[in-house]
C-alpha atoms as a PDB file:
ATOM      1  CA  MET A   1     -18.736  22.544  46.944  1.00  0.00           C
ATOM      2  CA  ILE A   2     -19.681  18.824  48.931  1.00  0.00           C
ATOM      3  CA  PHE A   3     -22.622  17.727  48.958  1.00  0.00           C
ATOM      4  CA  ARG A   4     -24.830  14.507  49.706  1.00  0.00           C
ATOM      5  CA  LEU A   5     -27.729  12.853  47.258  1.00  0.00           C
ATOM      6  CA  PRO A   6     -30.566  11.638  48.854  1.00  0.00           C
ATOM      7  CA  SER A   7     -30.640   7.637  48.487  1.00  0.00           C
ATOM      8  CA  TYR A   8     -33.706   5.451  48.590  1.00  0.00           C
ATOM      9  CA  THR A   9     -32.946   2.176  49.746  1.00  0.00           C
ATOM     10  CA  ILE A  10     -36.064   0.266  50.562  1.00  0.00           C
ATOM     11  CA  GLN A  11     -38.948  -1.443  48.615  1.00  0.00           C
ATOM     12  CA  THR A  12     -42.679  -1.104  49.989  1.00  0.00           C
ATOM     13  CA  ASN A  13     -45.846  -0.839  48.172  1.00  0.00           C
ATOM     14  CA  GLY A  14     -47.802   2.289  47.533  1.00  0.00           C
ATOM     15  CA  LYS A  15     -47.275   5.591  46.302  1.00  0.00           C
ATOM     16  CA  LEU A  16     -45.756   8.782  47.892  1.00  0.00           C
ATOM     17  CA  TYR A  17     -47.517  12.388  46.635  1.00  0.00           C
ATOM     18  CA  ILE A  18     -45.028  14.996  48.275  1.00  0.00           C
ATOM     19  CA  VAL A  19     -46.072  18.447  48.173  1.00  0.00           C
ATOM     20  CA  SER A  20     -43.057  20.734  47.957  1.00  0.00           C
ATOM     21  CA  LYS A  21     -43.921  24.444  49.001  1.00  0.00           C
ATOM     22  CA  LEU A  22     -41.606  26.743  47.518  1.00  0.00           C
ATOM     23  CA  SER A  23     -41.306  24.346  44.111  1.00  0.00           C
ATOM     24  CA  ARG A  24     -45.110  24.775  44.056  1.00  0.00           C
ATOM     25  CA  ASP A  25     -45.647  21.021  42.846  1.00  0.00           C
ATOM     26  CA  VAL A  26     -46.088  17.623  43.750  1.00  0.00           C
ATOM     27  CA  GLN A  27     -43.974  14.503  43.327  1.00  0.00           C
ATOM     28  CA  VAL A  28     -45.347  11.150  43.036  1.00  0.00           C
ATOM     29  CA  PHE A  29     -42.914   8.830  43.872  1.00  0.00           C
ATOM     30  CA  ASP A  30     -42.927   4.856  43.204  1.00  0.00           C
ATOM     31  CA  LEU A  31     -41.968   3.507  47.096  1.00  0.00           C
ATOM     32  CA  PHE A  32     -41.261  -0.139  45.421  1.00  0.00           C
ATOM     33  CA  THR A  33     -39.269   0.854  42.552  1.00  0.00           C
ATOM     34  CA  GLY A  34     -37.595   3.959  43.979  1.00  0.00           C
ATOM     35  CA  GLU A  35     -38.450   6.369  41.084  1.00  0.00           C
ATOM     36  CA  GLU A  36     -40.236   9.405  40.588  1.00  0.00           C
ATOM     37  CA  ILE A  37     -43.129   8.573  38.070  1.00  0.00           C
ATOM     38  CA  ALA A  38     -45.081  12.279  37.974  1.00  0.00           C
ATOM     39  CA  GLU A  39     -44.331  15.861  38.913  1.00  0.00           C
ATOM     40  CA  ILE A  40     -47.227  17.682  38.801  1.00  0.00           C
ATOM     41  CA  PRO A  41     -47.462  21.608  38.669  1.00  0.00           C
ATOM     42  CA  ILE A  42     -49.641  23.136  41.515  1.00  0.00           C
ATOM     43  CA  ASP A  43     -48.581  26.903  41.169  1.00  0.00           C
ATOM     44  CA  MET A  44     -49.732  27.296  44.580  1.00  0.00           C
ATOM     45  CA  LEU A  45     -48.073  27.506  48.295  1.00  0.00           C
ATOM     46  CA  SER A  46     -49.946  24.255  49.681  1.00  0.00           C
ATOM     47  CA  SER A  47     -48.786  22.921  53.215  1.00  0.00           C
ATOM     48  CA  GLU A  48     -51.735  20.648  53.536  1.00  0.00           C
ATOM     49  CA  ALA A  49     -53.576  18.014  51.439  1.00  0.00           C
ATOM     50  CA  ILE A  50     -55.316  14.870  51.742  1.00  0.00           C
ATOM     51  CA  ASN A  51     -56.616  11.743  49.621  1.00  0.00           C
ATOM     52  CA  THR A  52     -60.405  10.910  49.637  1.00  0.00           C
ATOM     53  CA  LYS A  53     -61.788   7.953  51.092  1.00  0.00           C
ATOM     54  CA  ASP A  54     -61.985   6.152  47.423  1.00  0.00           C
ATOM     55  CA  LYS A  55     -58.527   7.166  46.949  1.00  0.00           C
ATOM     56  CA  ASN A  56     -59.197   8.686  43.478  1.00  0.00           C
ATOM     57  CA  SER A  57     -58.478  12.474  44.398  1.00  0.00           C
ATOM     58  CA  ILE A  58     -56.114  14.673  46.530  1.00  0.00           C
ATOM     59  CA  VAL A  59     -57.314  17.720  47.730  1.00  0.00           C
ATOM     60  CA  LEU A  60     -55.027  20.632  48.428  1.00  0.00           C
ATOM     61  CA  THR A  61     -55.607  23.894  50.474  1.00  0.00           C
ATOM     62  CA  ASN A  62     -53.744  27.046  49.470  1.00  0.00           C
ATOM     63  CA  TYR A  63     -51.843  28.417  52.126  1.00  0.00           C
ATOM     64  CA  GLU A  64     -51.107  32.268  51.228  1.00  0.00           C
ATOM     65  CA  SER A  65     -52.309  35.694  51.734  1.00  0.00           C
ATOM     66  CA  LYS A  66     -53.080  35.962  48.203  1.00  0.00           C
ATOM     67  CA  ASP A  67     -55.799  33.037  46.636  1.00  0.00           C
ATOM     68  CA  GLY A  68     -56.072  31.446  50.058  1.00  0.00           C
ATOM     69  CA  ASN A  69     -59.299  30.774  48.983  1.00  0.00           C
ATOM     70  CA  ILE A  70     -58.186  28.346  46.251  1.00  0.00           C
ATOM     71  CA  VAL A  71     -58.675  24.405  46.558  1.00  0.00           C
ATOM     72  CA  LYS A  72     -57.115  22.256  43.896  1.00  0.00           C
ATOM     73  CA  ILE A  73     -57.941  18.488  43.179  1.00  0.00           C
ATOM     74  CA  ILE A  74     -55.460  16.247  41.278  1.00  0.00           C
ATOM     75  CA  ASN A  75     -56.780  12.965  39.716  1.00  0.00           C
ATOM     76  CA  THR A  76     -54.488  10.246  41.250  1.00  0.00           C
ATOM     77  CA  ARG A  77     -55.360   7.851  38.228  1.00  0.00           C
ATOM     78  CA  THR A  78     -54.091  10.612  35.744  1.00  0.00           C
ATOM     79  CA  ASN A  79     -52.073  12.572  37.961  1.00  0.00           C
ATOM     80  CA  LYS A  80     -53.116  15.829  36.695  1.00  0.00           C
ATOM     81  CA  ILE A  81     -54.841  18.697  38.357  1.00  0.00           C
ATOM     82  CA  GLU A  82     -58.811  17.441  37.794  1.00  0.00           C
ATOM     83  CA  LYS A  83     -60.270  20.819  39.241  1.00  0.00           C
ATOM     84  CA  THR A  84     -59.935  24.280  40.829  1.00  0.00           C
ATOM     85  CA  ILE A  85     -62.346  25.296  43.284  1.00  0.00           C
ATOM     86  CA  GLU A  86     -62.554  29.142  44.457  1.00  0.00           C
ATOM     87  CA  LEU A  87     -64.276  29.492  47.675  1.00  0.00           C
ATOM     88  CA  LYS A  88     -66.132  32.774  47.380  1.00  0.00           C
ATOM     89  CA  GLY A  89     -65.474  35.374  50.168  1.00  0.00           C
ATOM     90  CA  THR A  90     -62.657  36.342  52.357  1.00  0.00           C
ATOM     91  CA  ILE A  91     -62.236  32.613  53.097  1.00  0.00           C
ATOM     92  CA  LYS A  92     -58.236  31.693  53.926  1.00  0.00           C
ATOM     93  CA  SER A  93     -58.021  27.718  54.141  1.00  0.00           C
ATOM     94  CA  ASN A  94     -55.470  25.296  55.762  1.00  0.00           C
ATOM     95  CA  GLY A  95     -56.362  22.551  57.843  1.00  0.00           C
ATOM     96  CA  ILE A  96     -58.022  19.909  55.944  1.00  0.00           C
ATOM     97  CA  VAL A  97     -59.871  15.991  56.654  1.00  0.00           C
ATOM     98  CA  ALA A  98     -61.656  13.910  54.474  1.00  0.00           C
ATOM     99  CA  PHE A  99     -65.003  12.939  55.257  1.00  0.00           C
ATOM    100  CA  PRO A 100     -66.893   9.483  55.330  1.00  0.00           C
ATOM    101  CA  GLU A 101     -68.489  10.563  52.249  1.00  0.00           C
ATOM    102  CA  ILE A 102     -66.344  10.630  49.052  1.00  0.00           C
ATOM    103  CA  ASN A 103     -67.329  13.695  47.889  1.00  0.00           C
ATOM    104  CA  LYS A 104     -66.944  15.698  51.053  1.00  0.00           C
ATOM    105  CA  VAL A 105     -63.941  17.412  53.099  1.00  0.00           C
ATOM    106  CA  GLY A 106     -63.615  19.577  55.995  1.00  0.00           C
ATOM    107  CA  VAL A 107     -61.769  22.606  55.620  1.00  0.00           C
ATOM    108  CA  LEU A 108     -60.526  25.138  58.272  1.00  0.00           C
ATOM    109  CA  ASP A 109     -60.912  28.876  57.203  1.00  0.00           C
ATOM    110  CA  TYR A 110     -58.075  30.382  59.610  1.00  0.00           C
ATOM    111  CA  VAL A 111     -59.213  33.985  59.199  1.00  0.00           C
ATOM    112  CA  ASN A 112     -63.084  33.827  59.839  1.00  0.00           C
ATOM    113  CA  ASN A 113     -62.365  30.741  62.217  1.00  0.00           C
ATOM    114  CA  ASN A 114     -65.082  28.442  60.224  1.00  0.00           C
ATOM    115  CA  LEU A 115     -65.048  24.876  59.912  1.00  0.00           C
ATOM    116  CA  LEU A 116     -66.435  24.612  56.184  1.00  0.00           C
ATOM    117  CA  VAL A 117     -68.180  21.348  54.781  1.00  0.00           C
ATOM    118  CA  LEU A 118     -67.144  21.543  51.247  1.00  0.00           C
ATOM    119  CA  ASN A 119     -68.542  19.310  48.360  1.00  0.00           C
ATOM    120  CA  ILE A 120     -65.991  19.089  46.146  1.00  0.00           C
ATOM    121  CA  GLU A 121     -68.436  17.485  43.360  1.00  0.00           C
ATOM    122  CA  ASN A 122     -70.486  20.416  43.139  1.00  0.00           C
ATOM    123  CA  ASP A 123     -68.131  22.953  44.497  1.00  0.00           C
ATOM    124  CA  SER A 124     -70.468  23.872  47.072  1.00  0.00           C
ATOM    125  CA  ILE A 125     -69.790  24.764  50.792  1.00  0.00           C
ATOM    126  CA  GLU A 126     -72.881  22.808  52.703  1.00  0.00           C
ATOM    127  CA  LYS A 127     -71.825  23.985  56.092  1.00  0.00           C
ATOM    128  CA  GLN A 128     -70.081  26.547  58.024  1.00  0.00           C
ATOM    129  CA  ILE A 129     -69.306  26.023  61.739  1.00  0.00           C
ATOM    130  CA  GLN A 130     -67.789  28.635  63.677  1.00  0.00           C
ATOM    131  CA  THR A 131     -65.054  27.420  66.085  1.00  0.00           C
ATOM    132  CA  LYS A 132     -65.496  30.480  68.569  1.00  0.00           C
ATOM    133  CA  GLN A 133     -61.736  30.482  68.835  1.00  0.00           C
ATOM    134  CA  LYS A 134     -58.802  32.316  66.924  1.00  0.00           C
ATOM    135  CA  THR A 135     -56.306  31.279  64.156  1.00  0.00           C
ATOM    136  CA  SER A 136     -58.128  27.881  63.753  1.00  0.00           C
ATOM    137  CA  HIS A 137     -55.333  25.894  62.118  1.00  0.00           C
ATOM    138  CA  LEU A 138     -55.706  22.083  62.058  1.00  0.00           C
ATOM    139  CA  LEU A 139     -58.310  19.198  62.811  1.00  0.00           C
ATOM    140  CA  ALA A 140     -58.755  15.757  63.463  1.00  0.00           C
ATOM    141  CA  LEU A 141     -61.862  13.553  63.163  1.00  0.00           C
ATOM    142  CA  HIS A 142     -62.829  11.198  65.490  1.00  0.00           C
ATOM    143  CA  PRO A 143     -62.870   7.492  64.021  1.00  0.00           C
ATOM    144  CA  SER A 144     -66.323   6.335  65.077  1.00  0.00           C
ATOM    145  CA  LYS A 145     -68.284   9.638  66.143  1.00  0.00           C
ATOM    146  CA  SER A 146     -69.780  12.620  64.214  1.00  0.00           C
ATOM    147  CA  ILE A 147     -67.031  14.919  66.228  1.00  0.00           C
ATOM    148  CA  ALA A 148     -64.343  16.926  64.671  1.00  0.00           C
ATOM    149  CA  TYR A 149     -61.384  18.465  67.001  1.00  0.00           C
ATOM    150  CA  VAL A 150     -59.821  21.945  65.810  1.00  0.00           C
ATOM    151  CA  THR A 151     -56.608  23.693  66.982  1.00  0.00           C
ATOM    152  CA  ASN A 152     -56.563  26.990  67.529  1.00  0.00           C
ATOM    153  CA  MET A 153     -53.052  28.740  67.618  1.00  0.00           C
ATOM    154  CA  LYS A 154     -54.122  32.261  69.015  1.00  0.00           C
ATOM    155  CA  SER A 155     -56.313  30.734  71.456  1.00  0.00           C
ATOM    156  CA  ASN A 156     -54.266  28.161  72.943  1.00  0.00           C
ATOM    157  CA  SER A 157     -57.045  25.899  72.797  1.00  0.00           C
ATOM    158  CA  VAL A 158     -58.921  22.625  70.969  1.00  0.00           C
ATOM    159  CA  SER A 159     -62.756  23.325  70.129  1.00  0.00           C
ATOM    160  CA  VAL A 160     -64.497  20.178  69.966  1.00  0.00           C
ATOM    161  CA  ILE A 161     -67.237  20.105  67.380  1.00  0.00           C
ATOM    162  CA  ASP A 162     -70.753  18.207  67.030  1.00  0.00           C
ATOM    163  CA  LEU A 163     -71.217  17.478  63.083  1.00  0.00           C
ATOM    164  CA  THR A 164     -74.430  16.620  63.848  1.00  0.00           C
ATOM    165  CA  LYS A 165     -75.479  19.486  66.193  1.00  0.00           C
ATOM    166  CA  ASN A 166     -73.131  22.019  63.722  1.00  0.00           C
ATOM    167  CA  GLU A 167     -71.939  23.522  66.867  1.00  0.00           C
ATOM    168  CA  VAL A 168     -68.649  23.749  69.420  1.00  0.00           C
ATOM    169  CA  VAL A 169     -69.819  21.674  72.578  1.00  0.00           C
ATOM    170  CA  LYS A 170     -66.636  22.467  74.439  1.00  0.00           C
ATOM    171  CA  ILE A 171     -63.625  24.640  74.349  1.00  0.00           C
ATOM    172  CA  ILE A 172     -60.374  23.042  75.771  1.00  0.00           C
ATOM    173  CA  PRO A 173     -57.656  25.264  77.037  1.00  0.00           C
ATOM    174  CA  CYS A 174     -54.180  23.735  75.993  1.00  0.00           C
ATOM    175  CA  GLY A 175     -50.651  25.568  75.768  1.00  0.00           C
ATOM    176  CA  LEU A 176     -49.058  28.192  73.894  1.00  0.00           C
ATOM    177  CA  THR A 177     -50.085  27.926  70.019  1.00  0.00           C
ATOM    178  CA  THR A 178     -51.775  24.917  69.744  1.00  0.00           C
ATOM    179  CA  GLU A 179     -50.509  23.676  66.385  1.00  0.00           C
ATOM    180  CA  SER A 180     -51.165  20.072  65.626  1.00  0.00           C
ATOM    181  CA  ILE A 181     -53.402  17.063  66.467  1.00  0.00           C
ATOM    182  CA  ASP A 182     -53.826  13.680  66.129  1.00  0.00           C
ATOM    183  CA  ILE A 183     -56.248  11.042  67.630  1.00  0.00           C
ATOM    184  CA  THR A 184     -55.505   7.571  69.147  1.00  0.00           C
ATOM    185  CA  PRO A 185     -57.045   4.818  66.380  1.00  0.00           C
ATOM    186  CA  ASP A 186     -59.318   4.056  69.207  1.00  0.00           C
ATOM    187  CA  GLY A 187     -60.721   7.538  69.392  1.00  0.00           C
ATOM    188  CA  SER A 188     -59.783   7.486  73.307  1.00  0.00           C
ATOM    189  CA  GLU A 189     -57.289  10.533  73.232  1.00  0.00           C
ATOM    190  CA  ILE A 190     -56.286  13.321  71.249  1.00  0.00           C
ATOM    191  CA  TRP A 191     -52.774  14.766  71.174  1.00  0.00           C
ATOM    192  CA  VAL A 192     -51.945  18.110  70.117  1.00  0.00           C
ATOM    193  CA  THR A 193     -48.718  20.034  70.193  1.00  0.00           C
ATOM    194  CA  ASN A 194     -48.375  23.745  71.701  1.00  0.00           C
ATOM    195  CA  LYS A 195     -45.372  25.120  69.476  1.00  0.00           C
ATOM    196  CA  ASN A 196     -44.435  27.761  71.495  1.00  0.00           C
ATOM    197  CA  GLU A 197     -44.476  26.101  74.761  1.00  0.00           C
ATOM    198  CA  ASN A 198     -42.474  22.788  73.557  1.00  0.00           C
ATOM    199  CA  SER A 199     -45.230  20.270  75.044  1.00  0.00           C
ATOM    200  CA  ILE A 200     -47.671  18.283  74.005  1.00  0.00           C
ATOM    201  CA  SER A 201     -51.423  18.310  75.787  1.00  0.00           C
ATOM    202  CA  ILE A 202     -53.243  15.124  75.905  1.00  0.00           C
ATOM    203  CA  ILE A 203     -56.820  14.856  76.119  1.00  0.00           C
ATOM    204  CA  ASN A 204     -59.440  12.485  76.945  1.00  0.00           C
ATOM    205  CA  THR A 205     -62.210  12.398  74.454  1.00  0.00           C
ATOM    206  CA  SER A 206     -64.383  11.094  77.056  1.00  0.00           C
ATOM    207  CA  THR A 207     -64.338  13.811  79.722  1.00  0.00           C
ATOM    208  CA  TYR A 208     -62.571  16.591  77.460  1.00  0.00           C
ATOM    209  CA  LYS A 209     -60.091  17.173  79.976  1.00  0.00           C
ATOM    210  CA  VAL A 210     -56.285  17.408  79.490  1.00  0.00           C
ATOM    211  CA  ILE A 211     -54.738  14.221  81.642  1.00  0.00           C
ATOM    212  CA  ASP A 212     -51.057  15.001  81.044  1.00  0.00           C
ATOM    213  CA  ILE A 213     -48.501  17.239  79.448  1.00  0.00           C
ATOM    214  CA  LEU A 214     -45.538  16.185  78.215  1.00  0.00           C
ATOM    215  CA  PRO A 215     -42.211  18.091  77.330  1.00  0.00           C
ATOM    216  CA  THR A 216     -41.084  17.705  73.936  1.00  0.00           C
ATOM    217  CA  GLY A 217     -38.108  19.199  71.723  1.00  0.00           C
ATOM    218  CA  ASN A 218     -37.787  23.058  70.416  1.00  0.00           C
ATOM    219  CA  GLU A 219     -40.492  23.931  68.228  1.00  0.00           C
ATOM    220  CA  PRO A 220     -42.852  20.683  67.728  1.00  0.00           C
ATOM    221  CA  LEU A 221     -45.170  20.744  65.032  1.00  0.00           C
ATOM    222  CA  LYS A 222     -46.623  17.851  63.681  1.00  0.00           C
ATOM    223  CA  LEU A 223     -47.514  14.556  65.468  1.00  0.00           C
ATOM    224  CA  LYS A 224     -48.750  11.275  64.517  1.00  0.00           C
ATOM    225  CA  PHE A 225     -49.593   7.871  65.892  1.00  0.00           C
ATOM    226  CA  SER A 226     -48.286   4.674  64.430  1.00  0.00           C
ATOM    227  CA  VAL A 227     -51.072   2.839  62.716  1.00  0.00           C
ATOM    228  CA  ASP A 228     -51.568   0.167  66.008  1.00  0.00           C
ATOM    229  CA  GLY A 229     -51.708   3.418  67.986  1.00  0.00           C
ATOM    230  CA  LYS A 230     -48.724   2.136  70.170  1.00  0.00           C
ATOM    231  CA  TYR A 231     -46.452   5.178  69.295  1.00  0.00           C
ATOM    232  CA  CYS A 232     -46.508   9.057  69.108  1.00  0.00           C
ATOM    233  CA  LEU A 233     -44.162  10.528  66.651  1.00  0.00           C
ATOM    234  CA  VAL A 234     -43.299  14.121  66.918  1.00  0.00           C
ATOM    235  CA  ALA A 235     -41.720  16.664  64.483  1.00  0.00           C
ATOM    236  CA  ASN A 236     -39.305  19.230  66.580  1.00  0.00           C
ATOM    237  CA  ALA A 237     -38.696  21.233  63.830  1.00  0.00           C
ATOM    238  CA  ARG A 238     -36.081  23.464  65.680  1.00  0.00           C
ATOM    239  CA  ASP A 239     -34.014  20.688  67.019  1.00  0.00           C
ATOM    240  CA  GLY A 240     -33.777  18.434  63.944  1.00  0.00           C
ATOM    241  CA  SER A 241     -35.195  15.386  65.737  1.00  0.00           C
ATOM    242  CA  ILE A 242     -38.041  13.229  66.123  1.00  0.00           C
ATOM    243  CA  SER A 243     -39.452  12.296  69.734  1.00  0.00           C
ATOM    244  CA  VAL A 244     -41.031   9.188  70.122  1.00  0.00           C
ATOM    245  CA  TYR A 245     -43.764   8.592  73.017  1.00  0.00           C
ATOM    246  CA  GLU A 246     -45.487   5.481  74.235  1.00  0.00           C
ATOM    247  CA  GLN A 247     -48.942   5.753  73.917  1.00  0.00           C
ATOM    248  CA  ASN A 248     -49.990   3.838  77.171  1.00  0.00           C
ATOM    249  CA  SER A 249     -47.578   4.703  79.346  1.00  0.00           C
ATOM    250  CA  LYS A 250     -47.032   8.641  77.997  1.00  0.00           C
ATOM    251  CA  LYS A 251     -43.187   7.705  78.337  1.00  0.00           C
ATOM    252  CA  GLN A 252     -40.746   9.138  75.794  1.00  0.00           C
ATOM    253  CA  ILE A 253     -38.908   6.074  74.916  1.00  0.00           C
ATOM    254  CA  LYS A 254     -36.355   7.594  72.058  1.00  0.00           C
ATOM    255  CA  THR A 255     -35.396  10.732  70.148  1.00  0.00           C
ATOM    256  CA  ILE A 256     -34.503  10.233  66.594  1.00  0.00           C
ATOM    257  CA  THR A 257     -32.058  12.514  65.608  1.00  0.00           C
ATOM    258  CA  ILE A 258     -31.533  13.627  61.517  1.00  0.00           C
ATOM    259  CA  ARG A 259     -28.117  14.055  60.707  1.00  0.00           C
ATOM    260  CA  GLY A 260     -26.836  17.373  59.839  1.00  0.00           C
ATOM    261  CA  LYS A 261     -27.503  19.077  63.216  1.00  0.00           C
ATOM    262  CA  ASN A 262     -24.346  18.372  65.550  1.00  0.00           C
ATOM    263  CA  LYS A 263     -21.390  18.837  63.348  1.00  0.00           C
ATOM    264  CA  LEU A 264     -20.391  21.754  61.117  1.00  0.00           C
ATOM    265  CA  LEU A 265     -19.227  18.747  58.125  1.00  0.00           C
ATOM    266  CA  GLU A 266     -22.878  17.083  58.784  1.00  0.00           C
ATOM    267  CA  ARG A 267     -24.286  20.632  58.011  1.00  0.00           C
ATOM    268  CA  ILE A 268     -22.635  20.700  54.826  1.00  0.00           C
ATOM    269  CA  LEU A 269     -23.069  17.294  53.754  1.00  0.00           C
ATOM    270  CA  TYR A 270     -26.867  16.938  54.991  1.00  0.00           C
ATOM    271  CA  HIS A 271     -27.884  20.653  55.403  1.00  0.00           C
ATOM    272  CA  THR A 272     -29.648  21.790  58.906  1.00  0.00           C
ATOM    273  CA  PRO A 273     -32.669  19.310  59.336  1.00  0.00           C
ATOM    274  CA  ARG A 274     -35.962  21.175  59.953  1.00  0.00           C
ATOM    275  CA  PRO A 275     -38.493  18.317  60.288  1.00  0.00           C
ATOM    276  CA  VAL A 276     -42.282  19.340  59.747  1.00  0.00           C
ATOM    277  CA  ASN A 277     -44.635  16.822  58.702  1.00  0.00           C
ATOM    278  CA  ILE A 278     -45.283  13.236  59.301  1.00  0.00           C
ATOM    279  CA  LEU A 279     -47.252  10.370  57.509  1.00  0.00           C
ATOM    280  CA  MET A 280     -47.572   6.614  58.692  1.00  0.00           C
ATOM    281  CA  HIS A 281     -47.322   3.993  55.485  1.00  0.00           C
ATOM    282  CA  PRO A 282     -50.972   2.000  56.299  1.00  0.00           C
ATOM    283  CA  ASN A 283     -48.474  -1.560  56.335  1.00  0.00           C
ATOM    284  CA  GLY A 284     -47.320  -0.113  59.733  1.00  0.00           C
ATOM    285  CA  LEU A 285     -43.774  -0.496  58.733  1.00  0.00           C
ATOM    286  CA  PHE A 286     -42.603   2.976  57.848  1.00  0.00           C
ATOM    287  CA  ALA A 287     -43.152   6.429  58.648  1.00  0.00           C
ATOM    288  CA  PHE A 288     -41.914   9.489  56.138  1.00  0.00           C
ATOM    289  CA  VAL A 289     -40.950  12.834  57.626  1.00  0.00           C
ATOM    290  CA  SER A 290     -40.752  15.989  55.878  1.00  0.00           C
ATOM    291  CA  ASN A 291     -37.345  17.309  56.187  1.00  0.00           C
ATOM    292  CA  SER A 292     -38.054  21.048  54.965  1.00  0.00           C
ATOM    293  CA  ASN A 293     -34.479  22.452  54.974  1.00  0.00           C
ATOM    294  CA  ALA A 294     -32.771  19.487  53.400  1.00  0.00           C
ATOM    295  CA  HIS A 295     -35.226  19.109  50.555  1.00  0.00           C
ATOM    296  CA  GLU A 296     -36.016  15.690  51.375  1.00  0.00           C
ATOM    297  CA  ILE A 297     -37.927  12.796  53.250  1.00  0.00           C
ATOM    298  CA  GLU A 298     -37.064  10.754  55.778  1.00  0.00           C
ATOM    299  CA  VAL A 299     -37.991   7.210  55.984  1.00  0.00           C
ATOM    300  CA  ILE A 300     -37.960   5.781  59.749  1.00  0.00           C
ATOM    301  CA  GLU A 301     -38.288   2.069  59.961  1.00  0.00           C
ATOM    302  CA  MET A 302     -40.880   1.287  63.059  1.00  0.00           C
ATOM    303  CA  LYS A 303     -39.683  -1.634  64.001  1.00  0.00           C
ATOM    304  CA  THR A 304     -36.285  -0.129  65.257  1.00  0.00           C
ATOM    305  CA  LEU A 305     -37.167   3.529  65.094  1.00  0.00           C
ATOM    306  CA  THR A 306     -34.206   4.576  63.150  1.00  0.00           C
ATOM    307  CA  ILE A 307     -33.947   6.319  59.576  1.00  0.00           C
ATOM    308  CA  VAL A 308     -33.236   3.882  57.095  1.00  0.00           C
ATOM    309  CA  SER A 309     -33.838   5.535  53.941  1.00  0.00           C
ATOM    310  CA  THR A 310     -34.176   9.170  52.129  1.00  0.00           C
ATOM    311  CA  ILE A 311     -36.488  10.439  49.089  1.00  0.00           C
ATOM    312  CA  GLY A 312     -35.263  13.974  47.293  1.00  0.00           C
ATOM    313  CA  THR A 313     -37.663  16.290  46.747  1.00  0.00           C
ATOM    314  CA  GLY A 314     -38.565  19.699  45.684  1.00  0.00           C
ATOM    315  CA  LYS A 315     -37.995  22.763  47.593  1.00  0.00           C
ATOM    316  CA  VAL A 316     -39.547  22.688  51.225  1.00  0.00           C
ATOM    317  CA  PRO A 317     -41.495  19.782  51.276  1.00  0.00           C
ATOM    318  CA  ASP A 318     -44.494  19.458  53.532  1.00  0.00           C
ATOM    319  CA  ALA A 319     -47.925  17.843  53.483  1.00  0.00           C
ATOM    320  CA  LEU A 320     -47.815  13.667  52.268  1.00  0.00           C
ATOM    321  CA  VAL A 321     -50.334  11.657  51.022  1.00  0.00           C
ATOM    322  CA  PHE A 322     -50.283   8.135  50.368  1.00  0.00           C
ATOM    323  CA  ILE A 323     -51.830   6.548  47.739  1.00  0.00           C
ATOM    324  CA  GLU A 324     -52.037   2.524  47.402  1.00  0.00           C
END
């Protein structure tokens, strides 16, 4: 059989934590040396992970029908599982964000459709806020206000939650199967993907109105703004491509096609690509894209908007976390 080994050819600072769903582990990759420095078994199917504000911990949710109420915490100094938290009840967790307090995270329960405020220091749920919609999936926080925005897949909507009042203040209708979400660095707009409509809804955070709808490739999953907010990258899973949009003009300026989609030899050498997640390097120079079918990370240089390197992973990489 002919195959291609992933090739890492750049040098930049920091460590990349790569969560591979089917391998049920987290690979710690040194972005300067190009070497794996740790492999952490997590023994669960996780597709969402975040780092706490102090960068000392990575918190992972468990997206499974069984044990979906398990949250695990990795100590980034020892690269070992530090704690396992079992949330009581019929909770099934997925989306997660870090709150400004280093001991608190927001977790979405997609069965009961609650936003949970979880204290990871004493393992307690401090708040449960109803989203008032169905299959609440992912969320983002406003950079300067106590507001959370939650995508709801079955309700095709975004819930706006005031974290001071602990209640939904607005429901915003979007497109079919509202999936992923990100917010501009200045907090002026949220962009959400509508997975089964192949579109992005753009929402003004002052008026809570959809101000534009942009077409995407097939099955847009995650999207992410560049560090400076100039661009938004969208992972089109079924197309094996990344769409690049300018935030100001709302125009698509490029499609980055991952090798393996077009020709038989490419499919043999590179595997049919399926991009599912995007993480921006804080230095603004690179974006990392989880290519789940090929078991690798594609590295995009943001200056040229081209793929310049790859990182080999476990089976079905998804969530990505950066630690300095």
